[in-house]
Amino acid sequence: MNAEAIEARIKAGMEFDRVEVSGEGCGFQAYVVSQEFVGKNTLARHRMVYATLGADMGTAIHALSIKAYAPNEI
């Protein structure tokens, strides 16, 4: 899996204002801004992003660093 494929999956799985994914191999970094994060804690936000990637988390993607913000936090 590559950064572009991960970015596309996140975008397809949730409403977003901004999504950027970088990295290669099995380690990636995601920057996600979404209205869906309003009122959610960090763990809930990360779970929402992980849910868009399904079974690939832990198999095709071994490490994903997530920075998740609500629009009013940036």
PDB file of N, CA and C in Angstrom:
ATOM      1  N   MET A   1       0.845  -1.169   0.000  1.00  0.00           N
ATOM      2  CA  MET A   1       0.000   0.000   0.000  1.00  0.00           C
ATOM      3  C   MET A   1       0.897   1.241   0.000  1.00  0.00           C
ATOM      4  N   ASN A   2       0.448   2.279  -0.672  1.00  0.00           N
ATOM      5  CA  ASN A   2       1.226   3.519  -0.718  1.00  0.00           C
ATOM      6  C   ASN A   2       0.427   4.671  -0.119  1.00  0.00           C
ATOM      7  N   ALA A   3       1.081   5.815   0.039  1.00  0.00           N
ATOM      8  CA  ALA A   3       0.461   6.965   0.681  1.00  0.00           C
ATOM      9  C   ALA A   3      -0.795   7.429  -0.064  1.00  0.00           C
ATOM     10  N   GLU A   4      -0.768   7.390  -1.375  1.00  0.00           N
ATOM     11  CA  GLU A   4      -1.920   7.843  -2.159  1.00  0.00           C
ATOM     12  C   GLU A   4      -3.126   6.943  -1.929  1.00  0.00           C
ATOM     13  N   ALA A   5      -2.909   5.645  -1.834  1.00  0.00           N
ATOM     14  CA  ALA A   5      -4.005   4.704  -1.600  1.00  0.00           C
ATOM     15  C   ALA A   5      -4.592   4.894  -0.206  1.00  0.00           C
ATOM     16  N   ILE A   6      -3.742   5.116   0.782  1.00  0.00           N
ATOM     17  CA  ILE A   6      -4.222   5.350   2.145  1.00  0.00           C
ATOM     18  C   ILE A   6      -5.033   6.634   2.191  1.00  0.00           C
ATOM     19  N   GLU A   7      -4.525   7.678   1.565  1.00  0.00           N
ATOM     20  CA  GLU A   7      -5.240   8.959   1.528  1.00  0.00           C
ATOM     21  C   GLU A   7      -6.615   8.796   0.881  1.00  0.00           C
ATOM     22  N   ALA A   8      -6.677   8.066  -0.211  1.00  0.00           N
ATOM     23  CA  ALA A   8      -7.950   7.845  -0.901  1.00  0.00           C
ATOM     24  C   ALA A   8      -8.937   7.087  -0.020  1.00  0.00           C
ATOM     25  N   ARG A   9      -8.463   6.110   0.732  1.00  0.00           N
ATOM     26  CA  ARG A   9      -9.339   5.330   1.619  1.00  0.00           C
ATOM     27  C   ARG A   9      -9.885   6.203   2.748  1.00  0.00           C
ATOM     28  N   ILE A  10      -9.029   7.042   3.319  1.00  0.00           N
ATOM     29  CA  ILE A  10      -9.495   7.930   4.389  1.00  0.00           C
ATOM     30  C   ILE A  10     -10.543   8.894   3.830  1.00  0.00           C
ATOM     31  N   LYS A  11     -10.270   9.472   2.674  1.00  0.00           N
ATOM     32  CA  LYS A  11     -11.207  10.415   2.061  1.00  0.00           C
ATOM     33  C   LYS A  11     -12.541   9.753   1.731  1.00  0.00           C
ATOM     34  N   ALA A  12     -12.504   8.504   1.313  1.00  0.00           N
ATOM     35  CA  ALA A  12     -13.733   7.792   0.959  1.00  0.00           C
ATOM     36  C   ALA A  12     -14.534   7.375   2.193  1.00  0.00           C
ATOM     37  N   GLY A  13     -13.854   7.255   3.332  1.00  0.00           N
ATOM     38  CA  GLY A  13     -14.495   6.722   4.511  1.00  0.00           C
ATOM     39  C   GLY A  13     -15.057   7.730   5.488  1.00  0.00           C
ATOM     40  N   MET A  14     -14.774   9.005   5.276  1.00  0.00           N
ATOM     41  CA  MET A  14     -15.272  10.007   6.218  1.00  0.00           C
ATOM     42  C   MET A  14     -15.338  11.373   5.562  1.00  0.00           C
ATOM     43  N   GLU A  15     -16.143  12.250   6.157  1.00  0.00           N
ATOM     44  CA  GLU A  15     -16.180  13.635   5.688  1.00  0.00           C
ATOM     45  C   GLU A  15     -14.911  14.316   6.166  1.00  0.00           C
ATOM     46  N   PHE A  16     -14.343  15.143   5.334  1.00  0.00           N
ATOM     47  CA  PHE A  16     -13.069  15.758   5.693  1.00  0.00           C
ATOM     48  C   PHE A  16     -12.986  17.162   5.133  1.00  0.00           C
ATOM     49  N   ASP A  17     -12.152  17.963   5.762  1.00  0.00           N
ATOM     50  CA  ASP A  17     -11.798  19.273   5.238  1.00  0.00           C
ATOM     51  C   ASP A  17     -10.439  19.191   4.560  1.00  0.00           C
ATOM     52  N   ARG A  18      -9.567  18.352   5.134  1.00  0.00           N
ATOM     53  CA  ARG A  18      -8.217  18.209   4.579  1.00  0.00           C
ATOM     54  C   ARG A  18      -7.654  16.854   4.999  1.00  0.00           C
ATOM     55  N   VAL A  19      -7.042  16.156   4.062  1.00  0.00           N
ATOM     56  CA  VAL A  19      -6.357  14.891   4.337  1.00  0.00           C
ATOM     57  C   VAL A  19      -5.053  14.898   3.565  1.00  0.00           C
ATOM     58  N   GLU A  20      -3.957  14.638   4.269  1.00  0.00           N
ATOM     59  CA  GLU A  20      -2.646  14.492   3.634  1.00  0.00           C
ATOM     60  C   GLU A  20      -1.972  13.284   4.257  1.00  0.00           C
ATOM     61  N   VAL A  21      -1.471  12.391   3.417  1.00  0.00           N
ATOM     62  CA  VAL A  21      -0.753  11.216   3.903  1.00  0.00           C
ATOM     63  C   VAL A  21       0.607  11.178   3.232  1.00  0.00           C
ATOM     64  N   SER A  22       1.636  10.920   4.030  1.00  0.00           N
ATOM     65  CA  SER A  22       2.988  10.780   3.496  1.00  0.00           C
ATOM     66  C   SER A  22       3.599   9.511   4.082  1.00  0.00           C
ATOM     67  N   GLY A  23       4.726   9.120   3.524  1.00  0.00           N
ATOM     68  CA  GLY A  23       5.433   7.937   4.006  1.00  0.00           C
ATOM     69  C   GLY A  23       5.597   6.910   2.905  1.00  0.00           C
ATOM     70  N   GLU A  24       6.231   5.811   3.272  1.00  0.00           N
ATOM     71  CA  GLU A  24       6.457   4.742   2.304  1.00  0.00           C
ATOM     72  C   GLU A  24       6.723   3.445   3.044  1.00  0.00           C
ATOM     73  N   GLY A  25       6.753   2.358   2.290  1.00  0.00           N
ATOM     74  CA  GLY A  25       6.965   1.064   2.919  1.00  0.00           C
ATOM     75  C   GLY A  25       5.756   0.702   3.757  1.00  0.00           C
ATOM     76  N   CYS A  26       5.968   0.506   5.038  1.00  0.00           N
ATOM     77  CA  CYS A  26       4.881   0.146   5.954  1.00  0.00           C
ATOM     78  C   CYS A  26       4.608   1.240   6.979  1.00  0.00           C
ATOM     79  N   GLY A  27       5.334   2.370   6.904  1.00  0.00           N
ATOM     80  CA  GLY A  27       5.169   3.444   7.879  1.00  0.00           C
ATOM     81  C   GLY A  27       4.678   4.722   7.223  1.00  0.00           C
ATOM     82  N   PHE A  28       3.596   5.279   7.758  1.00  0.00           N
ATOM     83  CA  PHE A  28       2.970   6.454   7.155  1.00  0.00           C
ATOM     84  C   PHE A  28       2.570   7.468   8.215  1.00  0.00           C
ATOM     85  N   GLN A  29       2.362   8.708   7.765  1.00  0.00           N
ATOM     86  CA  GLN A  29       1.888   9.795   8.612  1.00  0.00           C
ATOM     87  C   GLN A  29       0.644  10.378   7.949  1.00  0.00           C
ATOM     88  N   ALA A  30      -0.404  10.562   8.741  1.00  0.00           N
ATOM     89  CA  ALA A  30      -1.642  11.127   8.223  1.00  0.00           C
ATOM     90  C   ALA A  30      -1.977  12.404   8.980  1.00  0.00           C
ATOM     91  N   TYR A  31      -2.361  13.419   8.245  1.00  0.00           N
ATOM     92  CA  TYR A  31      -2.829  14.687   8.794  1.00  0.00           C
ATOM     93  C   TYR A  31      -4.268  14.824   8.321  1.00  0.00           C
ATOM     94  N   VAL A  32      -5.206  14.794   9.260  1.00  0.00           N
ATOM     95  CA  VAL A  32      -6.618  14.801   8.899  1.00  0.00           C
ATOM     96  C   VAL A  32      -7.345  15.906   9.657  1.00  0.00           C
ATOM     97  N   VAL A  33      -8.090  16.712   8.923  1.00  0.00           N
ATOM     98  CA  VAL A  33      -8.938  17.740   9.518  1.00  0.00           C
ATOM     99  C   VAL A  33     -10.369  17.396   9.109  1.00  0.00           C
ATOM    100  N   SER A  34     -11.229  17.231  10.114  1.00  0.00           N
ATOM    101  CA  SER A  34     -12.605  16.837   9.818  1.00  0.00           C
ATOM    102  C   SER A  34     -13.567  17.429  10.840  1.00  0.00           C
ATOM    103  N   GLN A  35     -14.712  17.849  10.348  1.00  0.00           N
ATOM    104  CA  GLN A  35     -15.779  18.319  11.217  1.00  0.00           C
ATOM    105  C   GLN A  35     -16.263  17.185  12.117  1.00  0.00           C
ATOM    106  N   GLU A  36     -16.101  15.940  11.661  1.00  0.00           N
ATOM    107  CA  GLU A  36     -16.522  14.777  12.443  1.00  0.00           C
ATOM    108  C   GLU A  36     -15.753  14.651  13.761  1.00  0.00           C
ATOM    109  N   PHE A  37     -14.622  15.320  13.884  1.00  0.00           N
ATOM    110  CA  PHE A  37     -13.808  15.223  15.093  1.00  0.00           C
ATOM    111  C   PHE A  37     -14.260  16.167  16.210  1.00  0.00           C
ATOM    112  N   VAL A  38     -15.159  17.086  15.908  1.00  0.00           N
ATOM    113  CA  VAL A  38     -15.614  18.038  16.922  1.00  0.00           C
ATOM    114  C   VAL A  38     -16.216  17.269  18.102  1.00  0.00           C
ATOM    115  N   GLY A  39     -15.735  17.582  19.303  1.00  0.00           N
ATOM    116  CA  GLY A  39     -16.242  16.957  20.510  1.00  0.00           C
ATOM    117  C   GLY A  39     -15.699  15.574  20.804  1.00  0.00           C
ATOM    118  N   LYS A  40     -14.808  15.070  19.954  1.00  0.00           N
ATOM    119  CA  LYS A  40     -14.233  13.739  20.144  1.00  0.00           C
ATOM    120  C   LYS A  40     -12.823  13.861  20.720  1.00  0.00           C
ATOM    121  N   ASN A  41     -12.457  12.898  21.577  1.00  0.00           N
ATOM    122  CA  ASN A  41     -11.099  12.895  22.116  1.00  0.00           C
ATOM    123  C   ASN A  41     -10.136  12.268  21.104  1.00  0.00           C
ATOM    124  N   THR A  42      -8.863  12.301  21.418  1.00  0.00           N
ATOM    125  CA  THR A  42      -7.831  11.824  20.492  1.00  0.00           C
ATOM    126  C   THR A  42      -8.032  10.357  20.130  1.00  0.00           C
ATOM    127  N   LEU A  43      -8.307   9.511  21.109  1.00  0.00           N
ATOM    128  CA  LEU A  43      -8.486   8.086  20.842  1.00  0.00           C
ATOM    129  C   LEU A  43      -9.657   7.846  19.894  1.00  0.00           C
ATOM    130  N   ALA A  44     -10.764   8.519  20.105  1.00  0.00           N
ATOM    131  CA  ALA A  44     -11.928   8.366  19.230  1.00  0.00           C
ATOM    132  C   ALA A  44     -11.607   8.813  17.809  1.00  0.00           C
ATOM    133  N   ARG A  45     -10.861   9.893  17.678  1.00  0.00           N
ATOM    134  CA  ARG A  45     -10.473  10.390  16.350  1.00  0.00           C
ATOM    135  C   ARG A  45      -9.607   9.378  15.623  1.00  0.00           C
ATOM    136  N   HIS A  46      -8.640   8.815  16.336  1.00  0.00           N
ATOM    137  CA  HIS A  46      -7.752   7.827  15.720  1.00  0.00           C
ATOM    138  C   HIS A  46      -8.541   6.584  15.306  1.00  0.00           C
ATOM    139  N   ARG A  47      -9.459   6.159  16.137  1.00  0.00           N
ATOM    140  CA  ARG A  47     -10.288   5.001  15.789  1.00  0.00           C
ATOM    141  C   ARG A  47     -11.108   5.267  14.534  1.00  0.00           C
ATOM    142  N   MET A  48     -11.580   6.479  14.373  1.00  0.00           N
ATOM    143  CA  MET A  48     -12.351   6.830  13.181  1.00  0.00           C
ATOM    144  C   MET A  48     -11.486   6.710  11.926  1.00  0.00           C
ATOM    145  N   VAL A  49     -10.251   7.173  12.015  1.00  0.00           N
ATOM    146  CA  VAL A  49      -9.339   7.072  10.871  1.00  0.00           C
ATOM    147  C   VAL A  49      -8.986   5.608  10.619  1.00  0.00           C
ATOM    148  N   TYR A  50      -8.661   4.862  11.676  1.00  0.00           N
ATOM    149  CA  TYR A  50      -8.342   3.437  11.518  1.00  0.00           C
ATOM    150  C   TYR A  50      -9.499   2.680  10.872  1.00  0.00           C
ATOM    151  N   ALA A  51     -10.721   3.037  11.215  1.00  0.00           N
ATOM    152  CA  ALA A  51     -11.891   2.350  10.663  1.00  0.00           C
ATOM    153  C   ALA A  51     -11.962   2.479   9.146  1.00  0.00           C
ATOM    154  N   THR A  52     -11.474   3.578   8.594  1.00  0.00           N
ATOM    155  CA  THR A  52     -11.500   3.750   7.133  1.00  0.00           C
ATOM    156  C   THR A  52     -10.519   2.808   6.444  1.00  0.00           C
ATOM    157  N   LEU A  53      -9.537   2.316   7.184  1.00  0.00           N
ATOM    158  CA  LEU A  53      -8.496   1.461   6.600  1.00  0.00           C
ATOM    159  C   LEU A  53      -8.752  -0.026   6.826  1.00  0.00           C
ATOM    160  N   GLY A  54      -9.681  -0.336   7.701  1.00  0.00           N
ATOM    161  CA  GLY A  54     -10.104  -1.718   7.913  1.00  0.00           C
ATOM    162  C   GLY A  54      -8.971  -2.678   8.214  1.00  0.00           C
ATOM    163  N   ALA A  55      -9.020  -3.831   7.577  1.00  0.00           N
ATOM    164  CA  ALA A  55      -8.074  -4.923   7.829  1.00  0.00           C
ATOM    165  C   ALA A  55      -6.646  -4.599   7.403  1.00  0.00           C
ATOM    166  N   ASP A  56      -6.460  -3.571   6.585  1.00  0.00           N
ATOM    167  CA  ASP A  56      -5.096  -3.209   6.171  1.00  0.00           C
ATOM    168  C   ASP A  56      -4.267  -2.666   7.322  1.00  0.00           C
ATOM    169  N   MET A  57      -4.944  -2.174   8.378  1.00  0.00           N
ATOM    170  CA  MET A  57      -4.202  -1.725   9.557  1.00  0.00           C
ATOM    171  C   MET A  57      -3.619  -2.958  10.234  1.00  0.00           C
ATOM    172  N   GLY A  58      -2.325  -2.990  10.355  1.00  0.00           N
ATOM    173  CA  GLY A  58      -1.666  -4.132  10.983  1.00  0.00           C
ATOM    174  C   GLY A  58      -1.178  -5.169   9.987  1.00  0.00           C
ATOM    175  N   THR A  59      -1.632  -5.082   8.743  1.00  0.00           N
ATOM    176  CA  THR A  59      -1.134  -6.014   7.728  1.00  0.00           C
ATOM    177  C   THR A  59      -0.333  -5.238   6.683  1.00  0.00           C
ATOM    178  N   ALA A  60      -1.009  -4.525   5.799  1.00  0.00           N
ATOM    179  CA  ALA A  60      -0.313  -3.737   4.784  1.00  0.00           C
ATOM    180  C   ALA A  60       0.273  -2.453   5.364  1.00  0.00           C
ATOM    181  N   ILE A  61      -0.325  -1.980   6.457  1.00  0.00           N
ATOM    182  CA  ILE A  61       0.138  -0.761   7.120  1.00  0.00           C
ATOM    183  C   ILE A  61       0.546  -1.145   8.538  1.00  0.00           C
ATOM    184  N   HIS A  62       1.824  -1.070   8.828  1.00  0.00           N
ATOM    185  CA  HIS A  62       2.300  -1.469  10.153  1.00  0.00           C
ATOM    186  C   HIS A  62       2.398  -0.294  11.114  1.00  0.00           C
ATOM    187  N   ALA A  63       2.593   0.892  10.593  1.00  0.00           N
ATOM    188  CA  ALA A  63       2.728   2.071  11.453  1.00  0.00           C
ATOM    189  C   ALA A  63       2.046   3.250  10.775  1.00  0.00           C
ATOM    190  N   LEU A  64       1.131   3.881  11.514  1.00  0.00           N
ATOM    191  CA  LEU A  64       0.450   5.059  11.007  1.00  0.00           C
ATOM    192  C   LEU A  64       0.388   6.081  12.129  1.00  0.00           C
ATOM    193  N   SER A  65       1.097   7.165  11.946  1.00  0.00           N
ATOM    194  CA  SER A  65       1.063   8.288  12.888  1.00  0.00           C
ATOM    195  C   SER A  65      -0.048   9.222  12.418  1.00  0.00           C
ATOM    196  N   ILE A  66      -0.961   9.544  13.328  1.00  0.00           N
ATOM    197  CA  ILE A  66      -2.123  10.353  12.948  1.00  0.00           C
ATOM    198  C   ILE A  66      -2.136  11.663  13.723  1.00  0.00           C
ATOM    199  N   LYS A  67      -2.330  12.748  13.004  1.00  0.00           N
ATOM    200  CA  LYS A  67      -2.610  14.051  13.590  1.00  0.00           C
ATOM    201  C   LYS A  67      -4.019  14.401  13.129  1.00  0.00           C
ATOM    202  N   ALA A  68      -4.963  14.402  14.072  1.00  0.00           N
ATOM    203  CA  ALA A  68      -6.371  14.584  13.740  1.00  0.00           C
ATOM    204  C   ALA A  68      -6.904  15.823  14.459  1.00  0.00           C
ATOM    205  N   TYR A  69      -7.478  16.737  13.681  1.00  0.00           N
ATOM    206  CA  TYR A  69      -7.957  18.003  14.227  1.00  0.00           C
ATOM    207  C   TYR A  69      -9.366  18.313  13.741  1.00  0.00           C
ATOM    208  N   ALA A  70     -10.113  18.991  14.570  1.00  0.00           N
ATOM    209  CA  ALA A  70     -11.366  19.603  14.135  1.00  0.00           C
ATOM    210  C   ALA A  70     -10.992  20.923  13.459  1.00  0.00           C
ATOM    211  N   PRO A  71     -11.800  21.420  12.540  1.00  0.00           N
ATOM    212  CA  PRO A  71     -11.448  22.649  11.813  1.00  0.00           C
ATOM    213  C   PRO A  71     -11.160  23.843  12.726  1.00  0.00           C
ATOM    214  N   ASN A  72     -11.828  23.945  13.853  1.00  0.00           N
ATOM    215  CA  ASN A  72     -11.610  25.093  14.740  1.00  0.00           C
ATOM    216  C   ASN A  72     -10.322  24.973  15.575  1.00  0.00           C
ATOM    217  N   GLU A  73      -9.603  23.874  15.436  1.00  0.00           N
ATOM    218  CA  GLU A  73      -8.375  23.651  16.198  1.00  0.00           C
ATOM    219  C   GLU A  73      -7.103  23.984  15.424  1.00  0.00           C
ATOM    220  N   ILE A  74      -7.242  24.313  14.166  1.00  0.00           N
ATOM    221  CA  ILE A  74      -6.039  24.618  13.370  1.00  0.00           C
ATOM    222  C   ILE A  74      -5.950  26.089  13.078  1.00  0.00           C
TER     223      ILE A  74
END
